[in-house]
Protein backbone atom coordinates (compact mmCIF):
# COMPACT_ATOMS: atom_id res chain seq x y z
CA MET A 1 -0.12 0.27 -0.13
CA GLU A 2 1.45 3.86 -1.20
CA MET A 3 1.90 6.27 1.43
CA LYS A 4 -0.56 9.36 0.57
CA LYS A 5 2.18 12.50 0.56
CA LEU A 6 1.01 16.27 1.37
CA TYR A 7 1.54 18.58 -1.69
CA LYS A 8 -0.05 21.96 -2.20
CA SER A 9 -2.90 22.20 -4.59
CA ASN A 10 -3.23 23.23 -8.13
CA THR A 11 -6.81 23.44 -8.31
CA ASN A 12 -7.96 24.21 -4.88
CA ARG A 13 -5.93 27.34 -4.72
CA VAL A 14 -6.59 30.18 -3.50
CA ILE A 15 -3.28 32.15 -1.94
CA ALA A 16 -0.75 28.78 -2.48
CA GLY A 17 -3.20 26.21 -2.26
CA VAL A 18 -1.50 24.87 1.18
CA CYS A 19 -5.50 24.19 2.34
CA GLY A 20 -6.24 23.33 -0.56
CA GLY A 21 -3.83 20.59 -0.73
CA MET A 22 -5.09 19.73 3.05
CA GLY A 23 -8.78 19.62 1.80
CA GLU A 24 -7.50 16.58 -0.96
CA TYR A 25 -5.29 15.08 1.77
CA PHE A 26 -7.65 14.43 4.67
CA ASN A 27 -10.89 14.13 1.73
CA VAL A 28 -12.29 17.09 3.17
CA ASP A 29 -14.08 19.87 1.42
CA PRO A 30 -11.14 23.14 1.30
CA VAL A 31 -13.97 25.26 2.89
CA VAL A 32 -14.02 24.17 5.54
CA VAL A 33 -9.88 24.07 6.18
CA ARG A 34 -10.04 27.43 5.22
CA LEU A 35 -12.42 28.72 8.22
CA VAL A 36 -10.72 26.21 11.05
CA TRP A 37 -7.47 27.88 9.89
CA ALA A 38 -8.58 31.33 9.78
CA ALA A 39 -10.94 30.39 13.21
CA ALA A 40 -7.31 29.01 15.04
CA THR A 41 -5.62 32.56 13.62
CA LEU A 42 -7.93 34.81 15.05
CA PHE A 43 -7.80 32.76 18.34
CA SER A 44 -4.52 32.21 17.85
CA ALA A 45 -2.99 36.01 18.05
CA GLY A 46 -2.27 35.89 14.81
CA CYS A 47 0.00 32.79 14.86
CA GLY A 48 -1.41 30.92 11.44
CA ILE A 49 -0.39 33.12 9.99
CA VAL A 50 2.64 32.65 10.26
CA VAL A 51 2.40 28.77 10.28
CA TYR A 52 0.72 29.55 6.89
CA ILE A 53 3.74 30.82 5.82
CA VAL A 54 5.99 28.08 6.93
CA ALA A 55 3.80 25.55 4.99
CA ALA A 56 3.58 27.23 2.07
CA VAL A 57 7.53 27.63 1.41
CA VAL A 58 7.78 24.03 3.11
CA MET A 59 5.16 21.67 1.31
CA PRO A 60 6.01 21.02 -2.11
CA ASN A 61 3.61 21.35 -5.16
CA PRO A 62 2.50 17.95 -6.96
CA ALA A 63 4.54 16.70 -9.91
CA ASP A 64 2.42 16.77 -12.88
């Protein structure tokens, strides 16, 4: 069995494709991931923005 890998999304991309990629990986609607991420950012005094930037840099693009 092949292990799934986490990639940025090419199709569900708003800024960098991080939330879209997470939605595809966990088989959840990317809008739900974006809403949870926004709520977590609000409740963590903006730390979600830093985590998003790090994820955008670290997560690879899918090999087409």
